Amino acid sequence: MAGWRIPGLAARPRFTSRATVLVLVLCSLVAILAYPTRQFISQRSEISAQRAKAEHARQQVEQLRRDKARWQDPEYVKAQARARLHYAMPGETPYIAVDRAGQGAAKSSVPAPAPSDGTAAAPAKAAKPWYASVWDSVDAADTTAALAPPPPRPSQTSLPPAGASSPHDH
């Protein structure tokens, strides 16, 4: 059966010149359009990232505007000065409540257990203003530096005499 041929029909080549030209044109179009398409896709992702960044910046600006408007209110400024800096108005006596266990009242509503030796717990140190803490740390650094021994000096006894030779010289 393989030997049967239809008379008048010659064996045609597998690819005609038209098909070859068409394949070359399609391949060149794919090659030409590949780089711009890749650039388009990457630029779209960059644009979306920049839009998200701009939205985040817009939200921060709105938050800062709200904070600025809040700080324009004298009552808010007074409340912040009282809470953050422990300020008081003239004629007022400020008090700071200290929990015996050293925990804030807001952190734990469970009372601290009494010491097992039967003595009362020593009252916790009252919260100090920030500038007192800074000054205490400067004093502590000064006393620590004054009490620290001087750094060790390199000893002269570890060097060999000038005329001596070592066993590795030979």
N, C-alpha and C. Protein backbone atom coordinates (compact mmCIF):
# COMPACT_ATOMS: atom_id res chain seq x y z
N MET A 1 0.80 -1.18 0.00
CA MET A 1 0.00 0.00 0.00
C MET A 1 0.85 1.25 0.00
N ALA A 2 2.00 1.12 0.59
CA ALA A 2 2.85 2.29 0.64
C ALA A 2 3.32 2.67 -0.75
N GLY A 3 3.31 1.76 -1.64
CA GLY A 3 3.80 2.02 -2.97
C GLY A 3 2.74 2.61 -3.89
N TRP A 4 1.56 2.73 -3.45
CA TRP A 4 0.51 3.25 -4.30
C TRP A 4 0.61 4.76 -4.40
N ARG A 5 0.55 5.27 -5.56
CA ARG A 5 0.60 6.71 -5.78
C ARG A 5 -0.52 7.09 -6.75
N ILE A 6 -1.03 8.21 -6.55
CA ILE A 6 -2.06 8.69 -7.46
C ILE A 6 -1.33 9.37 -8.62
N PRO A 7 -1.66 8.95 -9.83
CA PRO A 7 -0.98 9.56 -10.97
C PRO A 7 -1.37 11.04 -11.10
N GLY A 8 -0.44 11.88 -11.46
CA GLY A 8 -0.67 13.31 -11.64
C GLY A 8 -0.44 14.13 -10.38
N LEU A 9 -0.38 13.44 -9.27
CA LEU A 9 -0.09 14.15 -8.02
C LEU A 9 1.37 13.95 -7.67
N ALA A 10 2.08 14.98 -7.74
CA ALA A 10 3.50 14.89 -7.38
C ALA A 10 3.63 15.08 -5.87
N ALA A 11 4.66 14.58 -5.31
CA ALA A 11 4.89 14.73 -3.87
C ALA A 11 5.18 16.20 -3.59
N ARG A 12 4.36 16.79 -2.74
CA ARG A 12 4.54 18.20 -2.42
C ARG A 12 5.53 18.34 -1.26
N PRO A 13 6.31 19.41 -1.26
CA PRO A 13 7.21 19.62 -0.12
C PRO A 13 6.41 19.88 1.15
N ARG A 14 6.99 19.57 2.24
CA ARG A 14 6.30 19.70 3.52
C ARG A 14 5.94 21.15 3.82
N PHE A 15 6.87 22.09 3.60
CA PHE A 15 6.60 23.51 3.79
C PHE A 15 6.73 24.22 2.46
N THR A 16 5.72 24.97 2.12
CA THR A 16 5.80 25.77 0.91
C THR A 16 6.45 27.08 1.25
N SER A 17 6.77 27.83 0.27
CA SER A 17 7.43 29.12 0.53
C SER A 17 6.48 30.08 1.23
N ARG A 18 5.19 29.99 0.95
CA ARG A 18 4.20 30.85 1.64
C ARG A 18 4.14 30.51 3.13
N ALA A 19 4.12 29.23 3.44
CA ALA A 19 4.06 28.82 4.85
C ALA A 19 5.32 29.24 5.59
N THR A 20 6.44 29.16 4.94
CA THR A 20 7.70 29.57 5.57
C THR A 20 7.70 31.06 5.84
N VAL A 21 7.26 31.87 4.90
CA VAL A 21 7.18 33.32 5.08
C VAL A 21 6.20 33.66 6.20
N LEU A 22 5.07 32.98 6.24
CA LEU A 22 4.07 33.22 7.28
C LEU A 22 4.64 32.89 8.67
N VAL A 23 5.36 31.79 8.80
CA VAL A 23 5.96 31.42 10.08
C VAL A 23 7.01 32.44 10.49
N LEU A 24 7.81 32.91 9.55
CA LEU A 24 8.83 33.93 9.86
C LEU A 24 8.19 35.23 10.30
N VAL A 25 7.12 35.63 9.64
CA VAL A 25 6.42 36.88 10.02
C VAL A 25 5.85 36.75 11.43
N LEU A 26 5.21 35.62 11.72
CA LEU A 26 4.64 35.42 13.06
C LEU A 26 5.73 35.40 14.14
N CYS A 27 6.82 34.74 13.88
CA CYS A 27 7.92 34.70 14.87
C CYS A 27 8.51 36.08 15.08
N SER A 28 8.67 36.84 14.01
CA SER A 28 9.22 38.19 14.17
C SER A 28 8.24 39.09 14.92
N LEU A 29 6.93 38.95 14.70
CA LEU A 29 5.95 39.73 15.47
C LEU A 29 6.01 39.38 16.95
N VAL A 30 6.12 38.11 17.26
CA VAL A 30 6.23 37.71 18.67
C VAL A 30 7.49 38.29 19.29
N ALA A 31 8.60 38.22 18.58
CA ALA A 31 9.86 38.75 19.09
C ALA A 31 9.80 40.27 19.26
N ILE A 32 9.16 40.95 18.34
CA ILE A 32 9.06 42.41 18.41
C ILE A 32 8.16 42.84 19.56
N LEU A 33 7.06 42.13 19.78
CA LEU A 33 6.09 42.54 20.79
C LEU A 33 6.40 42.01 22.19
N ALA A 34 7.33 41.12 22.36
CA ALA A 34 7.60 40.51 23.67
C ALA A 34 8.14 41.55 24.65
N TYR A 35 9.14 42.33 24.28
CA TYR A 35 9.73 43.31 25.20
C TYR A 35 8.74 44.41 25.59
N PRO A 36 8.04 45.05 24.65
CA PRO A 36 7.07 46.07 25.07
C PRO A 36 5.96 45.50 25.95
N THR A 37 5.54 44.28 25.70
CA THR A 37 4.50 43.68 26.54
C THR A 37 5.01 43.47 27.95
N ARG A 38 6.24 42.99 28.07
CA ARG A 38 6.82 42.80 29.40
C ARG A 38 6.96 44.14 30.12
N GLN A 39 7.39 45.18 29.41
CA GLN A 39 7.51 46.51 30.01
C GLN A 39 6.14 47.03 30.44
N PHE A 40 5.14 46.82 29.64
CA PHE A 40 3.79 47.27 29.97
C PHE A 40 3.31 46.61 31.26
N ILE A 41 3.53 45.31 31.38
CA ILE A 41 3.07 44.59 32.57
C ILE A 41 3.84 45.06 33.81
N SER A 42 5.15 45.25 33.69
CA SER A 42 5.93 45.70 34.86
C SER A 42 5.55 47.12 35.25
N GLN A 43 5.28 47.99 34.27
CA GLN A 43 4.87 49.35 34.59
C GLN A 43 3.50 49.39 35.24
N ARG A 44 2.62 48.51 34.84
CA ARG A 44 1.30 48.45 35.49
C ARG A 44 1.44 48.07 36.96
N SER A 45 2.34 47.13 37.26
CA SER A 45 2.53 46.74 38.66
C SER A 45 3.18 47.88 39.44
N GLU A 46 4.11 48.60 38.82
CA GLU A 46 4.71 49.76 39.50
C GLU A 46 3.67 50.85 39.74
N ILE A 47 2.79 51.06 38.79
CA ILE A 47 1.73 52.07 38.96
C ILE A 47 0.82 51.70 40.11
N SER A 48 0.44 50.44 40.21
CA SER A 48 -0.43 50.03 41.31
C SER A 48 0.29 50.15 42.66
N ALA A 49 1.59 49.84 42.69
CA ALA A 49 2.35 50.00 43.93
C ALA A 49 2.44 51.48 44.32
N GLN A 50 2.65 52.36 43.36
CA GLN A 50 2.72 53.80 43.65
C GLN A 50 1.36 54.34 44.10
N ARG A 51 0.30 53.82 43.53
CA ARG A 51 -1.04 54.25 43.97
C ARG A 51 -1.30 53.83 45.41
N ALA A 52 -0.88 52.62 45.77
CA ALA A 52 -1.05 52.16 47.16
C ALA A 52 -0.20 53.01 48.10
N LYS A 53 1.01 53.35 47.66
CA LYS A 53 1.88 54.20 48.49
C LYS A 53 1.28 55.59 48.66
N ALA A 54 0.71 56.13 47.59
CA ALA A 54 0.08 57.45 47.66
C ALA A 54 -1.14 57.42 48.58
N GLU A 55 -1.91 56.35 48.54
CA GLU A 55 -3.07 56.22 49.42
C GLU A 55 -2.64 56.16 50.88
N HIS A 56 -1.57 55.41 51.14
CA HIS A 56 -1.04 55.32 52.50
C HIS A 56 -0.57 56.70 52.98
N ALA A 57 0.11 57.45 52.11
CA ALA A 57 0.57 58.79 52.46
C ALA A 57 -0.63 59.71 52.70
N ARG A 58 -1.67 59.56 51.91
CA ARG A 58 -2.88 60.38 52.08
C ARG A 58 -3.52 60.10 53.45
N GLN A 59 -3.55 58.82 53.83
CA GLN A 59 -4.11 58.47 55.14
C GLN A 59 -3.26 59.05 56.28
N GLN A 60 -1.93 59.02 56.11
CA GLN A 60 -1.06 59.60 57.13
C GLN A 60 -1.28 61.11 57.24
N VAL A 61 -1.45 61.78 56.11
CA VAL A 61 -1.70 63.22 56.13
C VAL A 61 -3.00 63.52 56.86
N GLU A 62 -4.04 62.73 56.60
CA GLU A 62 -5.31 62.93 57.29
C GLU A 62 -5.17 62.72 58.79
N GLN A 63 -4.42 61.69 59.19
CA GLN A 63 -4.19 61.44 60.62
C GLN A 63 -3.43 62.60 61.25
N LEU A 64 -2.43 63.11 60.56
CA LEU A 64 -1.66 64.24 61.09
C LEU A 64 -2.52 65.51 61.17
N ARG A 65 -3.43 65.69 60.21
CA ARG A 65 -4.33 66.85 60.28
C ARG A 65 -5.25 66.74 61.50
N ARG A 66 -5.74 65.50 61.74
CA ARG A 66 -6.59 65.32 62.93
C ARG A 66 -5.80 65.58 64.21
N ASP A 67 -4.55 65.09 64.25
CA ASP A 67 -3.71 65.34 65.43
C ASP A 67 -3.43 66.83 65.61
N LYS A 68 -3.18 67.52 64.51
CA LYS A 68 -2.91 68.96 64.60
C LYS A 68 -4.14 69.70 65.12
N ALA A 69 -5.31 69.32 64.61
CA ALA A 69 -6.53 69.97 65.08
C ALA A 69 -6.76 69.68 66.56
N ARG A 70 -6.41 68.46 66.99
CA ARG A 70 -6.56 68.11 68.39
C ARG A 70 -5.61 68.94 69.27
N TRP A 71 -4.39 69.17 68.80
CA TRP A 71 -3.42 69.94 69.57
C TRP A 71 -3.76 71.43 69.59
N GLN A 72 -4.66 71.89 68.72
CA GLN A 72 -5.09 73.29 68.74
C GLN A 72 -6.04 73.56 69.91
N ASP A 73 -6.61 72.51 70.46
CA ASP A 73 -7.54 72.64 71.58
C ASP A 73 -6.75 72.79 72.88
N PRO A 74 -6.92 73.90 73.62
CA PRO A 74 -6.16 74.11 74.86
C PRO A 74 -6.45 73.04 75.93
N GLU A 75 -7.65 72.52 75.96
CA GLU A 75 -7.97 71.49 76.95
C GLU A 75 -7.20 70.20 76.67
N TYR A 76 -7.05 69.87 75.40
CA TYR A 76 -6.28 68.67 75.06
C TYR A 76 -4.81 68.85 75.44
N VAL A 77 -4.28 70.05 75.21
CA VAL A 77 -2.88 70.33 75.56
C VAL A 77 -2.70 70.21 77.07
N LYS A 78 -3.65 70.72 77.84
CA LYS A 78 -3.56 70.61 79.30
C LYS A 78 -3.60 69.14 79.73
N ALA A 79 -4.49 68.38 79.13
CA ALA A 79 -4.61 66.97 79.49
C ALA A 79 -3.33 66.21 79.16
N GLN A 80 -2.72 66.52 78.01
CA GLN A 80 -1.47 65.85 77.64
C GLN A 80 -0.33 66.26 78.57
N ALA A 81 -0.30 67.53 78.97
CA ALA A 81 0.75 67.98 79.90
C ALA A 81 0.59 67.28 81.25
N ARG A 82 -0.61 67.10 81.68
CA ARG A 82 -0.84 66.39 82.95
C ARG A 82 -0.44 64.92 82.84
N ALA A 83 -0.84 64.26 81.75
CA ALA A 83 -0.60 62.83 81.62
C ALA A 83 0.86 62.51 81.31
N ARG A 84 1.45 63.25 80.39
CA ARG A 84 2.80 62.91 79.95
C ARG A 84 3.90 63.52 80.79
N LEU A 85 3.71 64.76 81.24
CA LEU A 85 4.77 65.48 81.94
C LEU A 85 4.51 65.63 83.43
N HIS A 86 3.39 65.10 83.91
CA HIS A 86 3.01 65.17 85.32
C HIS A 86 2.91 66.62 85.81
N TYR A 87 2.39 67.48 84.96
CA TYR A 87 2.18 68.87 85.36
C TYR A 87 0.87 68.98 86.14
N ALA A 88 0.75 70.06 86.92
CA ALA A 88 -0.47 70.34 87.66
C ALA A 88 -0.76 71.83 87.54
N MET A 89 -2.03 72.15 87.66
CA MET A 89 -2.43 73.56 87.62
C MET A 89 -2.07 74.22 88.95
N PRO A 90 -1.89 75.55 88.95
CA PRO A 90 -1.57 76.24 90.21
C PRO A 90 -2.66 76.00 91.24
N GLY A 91 -2.26 75.66 92.44
CA GLY A 91 -3.19 75.40 93.52
C GLY A 91 -3.55 73.92 93.65
N GLU A 92 -3.21 73.10 92.68
CA GLU A 92 -3.50 71.67 92.75
C GLU A 92 -2.31 70.93 93.36
N THR A 93 -2.62 69.81 93.99
CA THR A 93 -1.57 68.94 94.53
C THR A 93 -1.61 67.63 93.75
N PRO A 94 -0.58 67.36 92.95
CA PRO A 94 -0.61 66.13 92.16
C PRO A 94 -0.24 64.91 93.02
N TYR A 95 -0.93 63.82 92.79
CA TYR A 95 -0.64 62.56 93.46
C TYR A 95 -0.47 61.48 92.39
N ILE A 96 0.42 60.53 92.68
CA ILE A 96 0.61 59.39 91.80
C ILE A 96 0.37 58.15 92.63
N ALA A 97 -0.62 57.36 92.24
CA ALA A 97 -0.94 56.14 92.96
C ALA A 97 0.01 55.04 92.50
N VAL A 98 0.59 54.32 93.48
CA VAL A 98 1.55 53.28 93.17
C VAL A 98 1.02 51.97 93.72
N ASP A 99 1.06 50.94 92.90
CA ASP A 99 0.64 49.62 93.33
C ASP A 99 1.77 48.98 94.12
N ARG A 100 1.45 48.28 95.19
CA ARG A 100 2.48 47.66 96.03
C ARG A 100 3.27 46.61 95.26
N ALA A 101 2.66 45.92 94.33
CA ALA A 101 3.34 44.87 93.59
C ALA A 101 4.17 45.44 92.45
N GLY A 102 4.09 46.74 92.23
CA GLY A 102 4.86 47.34 91.15
C GLY A 102 4.15 47.29 89.82
N GLN A 103 2.92 46.83 89.80
CA GLN A 103 2.14 46.78 88.58
C GLN A 103 1.12 47.90 88.63
N GLY A 104 0.77 48.41 87.45
CA GLY A 104 -0.25 49.44 87.39
C GLY A 104 -1.61 48.85 87.71
N ALA A 105 -2.51 49.67 88.21
CA ALA A 105 -3.84 49.19 88.56
C ALA A 105 -4.59 48.74 87.31
N ALA A 106 -4.27 49.33 86.17
CA ALA A 106 -4.97 48.95 84.95
C ALA A 106 -4.50 47.59 84.43
N LYS A 107 -3.28 47.20 84.77
CA LYS A 107 -2.76 45.94 84.27
C LYS A 107 -3.38 44.75 84.98
N SER A 108 -3.57 44.86 86.28
CA SER A 108 -4.06 43.70 87.03
C SER A 108 -5.01 44.17 88.12
N SER A 109 -6.17 43.55 88.17
CA SER A 109 -7.10 43.89 89.23
C SER A 109 -7.01 42.90 90.38
N VAL A 110 -6.14 41.88 90.24
CA VAL A 110 -5.97 40.89 91.29
C VAL A 110 -4.94 41.41 92.27
N PRO A 111 -5.24 41.41 93.59
CA PRO A 111 -4.27 41.93 94.55
C PRO A 111 -3.04 41.03 94.61
N ALA A 112 -1.91 41.66 94.90
CA ALA A 112 -0.66 40.91 94.98
C ALA A 112 -0.66 40.09 96.26
N PRO A 113 -0.09 38.88 96.24
CA PRO A 113 -0.04 38.07 97.45
C PRO A 113 0.89 38.69 98.48
N ALA A 114 0.55 38.51 99.74
CA ALA A 114 1.37 39.04 100.82
C ALA A 114 2.66 38.25 100.91
N PRO A 115 3.76 38.88 101.35
CA PRO A 115 5.01 38.16 101.47
C PRO A 115 4.87 37.01 102.47
N SER A 116 5.60 35.92 102.22
CA SER A 116 5.46 34.73 103.05
C SER A 116 6.14 34.86 104.40
N ASP A 117 7.07 35.84 104.55
CA ASP A 117 7.76 35.95 105.84
C ASP A 117 6.97 36.77 106.87
N GLY A 118 5.80 37.24 106.50
CA GLY A 118 4.93 37.93 107.45
C GLY A 118 5.16 39.42 107.52
N THR A 119 6.16 39.96 106.85
CA THR A 119 6.39 41.40 106.87
C THR A 119 5.61 42.06 105.75
N ALA A 120 5.32 43.30 105.93
CA ALA A 120 4.60 44.03 104.89
C ALA A 120 5.58 44.37 103.76
N ALA A 121 5.05 44.40 102.57
CA ALA A 121 5.89 44.71 101.41
C ALA A 121 6.27 46.18 101.46
N ALA A 122 7.50 46.49 101.07
CA ALA A 122 7.96 47.87 101.05
C ALA A 122 7.22 48.60 99.93
N PRO A 123 6.84 49.85 100.18
CA PRO A 123 6.14 50.58 99.11
C PRO A 123 7.07 50.79 97.92
N ALA A 124 6.48 50.65 96.74
CA ALA A 124 7.26 50.82 95.52
C ALA A 124 7.68 52.27 95.36
N LYS A 125 8.80 52.49 94.69
CA LYS A 125 9.31 53.83 94.49
C LYS A 125 8.35 54.59 93.58
N ALA A 126 8.00 55.80 93.94
CA ALA A 126 7.05 56.61 93.16
C ALA A 126 7.65 56.93 91.81
N ALA A 127 6.80 57.04 90.82
CA ALA A 127 7.27 57.37 89.48
C ALA A 127 7.84 58.77 89.49
N LYS A 128 9.03 58.92 88.91
CA LYS A 128 9.70 60.21 88.88
C LYS A 128 9.48 60.84 87.51
N PRO A 129 9.60 62.14 87.44
CA PRO A 129 9.53 62.79 86.13
C PRO A 129 10.71 62.35 85.27
N TRP A 130 10.58 62.54 83.98
CA TRP A 130 11.61 62.05 83.05
C TRP A 130 12.95 62.70 83.28
N TYR A 131 12.96 63.98 83.64
CA TYR A 131 14.24 64.67 83.80
C TYR A 131 14.99 64.15 85.03
N ALA A 132 14.26 63.68 86.04
CA ALA A 132 14.93 63.11 87.21
C ALA A 132 15.57 61.78 86.84
N SER A 133 14.91 61.00 86.01
CA SER A 133 15.49 59.73 85.56
C SER A 133 16.75 59.97 84.73
N VAL A 134 16.71 60.99 83.87
CA VAL A 134 17.89 61.30 83.06
C VAL A 134 19.05 61.71 83.95
N TRP A 135 18.78 62.57 84.94
CA TRP A 135 19.84 63.03 85.83
C TRP A 135 20.40 61.86 86.65
N ASP A 136 19.54 60.97 87.12
CA ASP A 136 20.01 59.79 87.86
C ASP A 136 20.91 58.92 87.00
N SER A 137 20.57 58.76 85.71
CA SER A 137 21.41 57.94 84.84
C SER A 137 22.76 58.61 84.59
N VAL A 138 22.78 59.96 84.52
CA VAL A 138 24.06 60.66 84.36
C VAL A 138 24.91 60.47 85.61
N ASP A 139 24.30 60.59 86.79
CA ASP A 139 25.04 60.36 88.04
C ASP A 139 25.56 58.93 88.11
N ALA A 140 24.74 57.96 87.73
CA ALA A 140 25.17 56.56 87.78
C ALA A 140 26.33 56.33 86.82
N ALA A 141 26.28 56.92 85.64
CA ALA A 141 27.36 56.75 84.67
C ALA A 141 28.64 57.39 85.19
N ASP A 142 28.52 58.53 85.87
CA ASP A 142 29.69 59.22 86.40
C ASP A 142 30.34 58.40 87.51
N THR A 143 29.55 57.85 88.41
CA THR A 143 30.13 57.07 89.51
C THR A 143 30.68 55.75 89.01
N THR A 144 30.08 55.17 88.01
CA THR A 144 30.59 53.91 87.45
C THR A 144 31.92 54.15 86.76
N ALA A 145 32.04 55.27 86.03
CA ALA A 145 33.29 55.58 85.34
C ALA A 145 34.39 55.88 86.34
N ALA A 146 34.06 56.52 87.46
CA ALA A 146 35.07 56.87 88.46
C ALA A 146 35.55 55.62 89.19
N LEU A 147 34.70 54.63 89.39
CA LEU A 147 35.07 53.43 90.12
C LEU A 147 35.72 52.37 89.24
N ALA A 148 35.60 52.49 87.93
CA ALA A 148 36.13 51.46 87.05
C ALA A 148 37.65 51.54 87.02
N PRO A 149 38.34 50.38 87.01
CA PRO A 149 39.80 50.41 86.95
C PRO A 149 40.25 50.86 85.57
N PRO A 150 41.46 51.42 85.48
CA PRO A 150 41.94 51.88 84.16
C PRO A 150 42.17 50.68 83.25
N PRO A 151 42.11 50.87 81.95
CA PRO A 151 42.31 49.76 81.03
C PRO A 151 43.74 49.24 81.14
N PRO A 152 43.95 47.94 80.94
CA PRO A 152 45.30 47.39 81.07
C PRO A 152 46.21 47.89 79.96
N ARG A 153 47.48 48.15 80.35
CA ARG A 153 48.46 48.59 79.38
C ARG A 153 49.20 47.37 78.84
N PRO A 154 49.70 47.44 77.62
CA PRO A 154 50.48 46.31 77.12
C PRO A 154 51.78 46.19 77.91
N SER A 155 52.10 44.99 78.30
CA SER A 155 53.28 44.80 79.15
C SER A 155 54.53 44.75 78.30
N GLN A 156 55.61 45.26 78.85
CA GLN A 156 56.89 45.27 78.17
C GLN A 156 57.63 43.95 78.36
N THR A 157 57.22 43.11 79.31
CA THR A 157 57.93 41.87 79.58
C THR A 157 57.65 40.81 78.54
N SER A 158 56.62 40.97 77.75
CA SER A 158 56.31 39.95 76.76
C SER A 158 57.19 40.05 75.52
N LEU A 159 57.89 41.19 75.33
CA LEU A 159 58.75 41.35 74.17
C LEU A 159 60.12 40.75 74.45
N PRO A 160 60.74 40.06 73.49
CA PRO A 160 62.08 39.50 73.71
C PRO A 160 63.12 40.62 73.71
N PRO A 161 64.23 40.38 74.35
CA PRO A 161 65.30 41.40 74.33
C PRO A 161 65.74 41.67 72.90
N ALA A 162 66.36 42.83 72.69
CA ALA A 162 66.70 43.27 71.34
C ALA A 162 67.68 42.32 70.65
N GLY A 163 68.64 41.77 71.36
CA GLY A 163 69.66 40.95 70.72
C GLY A 163 69.30 39.47 70.73
N ALA A 164 68.25 39.06 71.34
CA ALA A 164 67.93 37.64 71.45
C ALA A 164 67.36 37.13 70.15
N SER A 165 67.64 35.87 69.87
CA SER A 165 67.09 35.27 68.66
C SER A 165 66.11 34.19 69.08
N SER A 166 65.14 33.99 68.26
CA SER A 166 64.13 32.98 68.57
C SER A 166 64.47 31.71 67.83
N PRO A 167 63.92 30.56 68.24
CA PRO A 167 64.24 29.32 67.55
C PRO A 167 63.71 29.30 66.13
N HIS A 168 62.80 30.19 65.78
CA HIS A 168 62.22 30.20 64.44
C HIS A 168 63.04 31.01 63.46
N ASP A 169 64.06 31.72 63.95
CA ASP A 169 64.88 32.56 63.06
C ASP A 169 65.78 31.73 62.17
N HIS A 170 66.09 30.50 62.52
CA HIS A 170 67.08 29.70 61.78
C HIS A 170 66.44 28.86 60.75
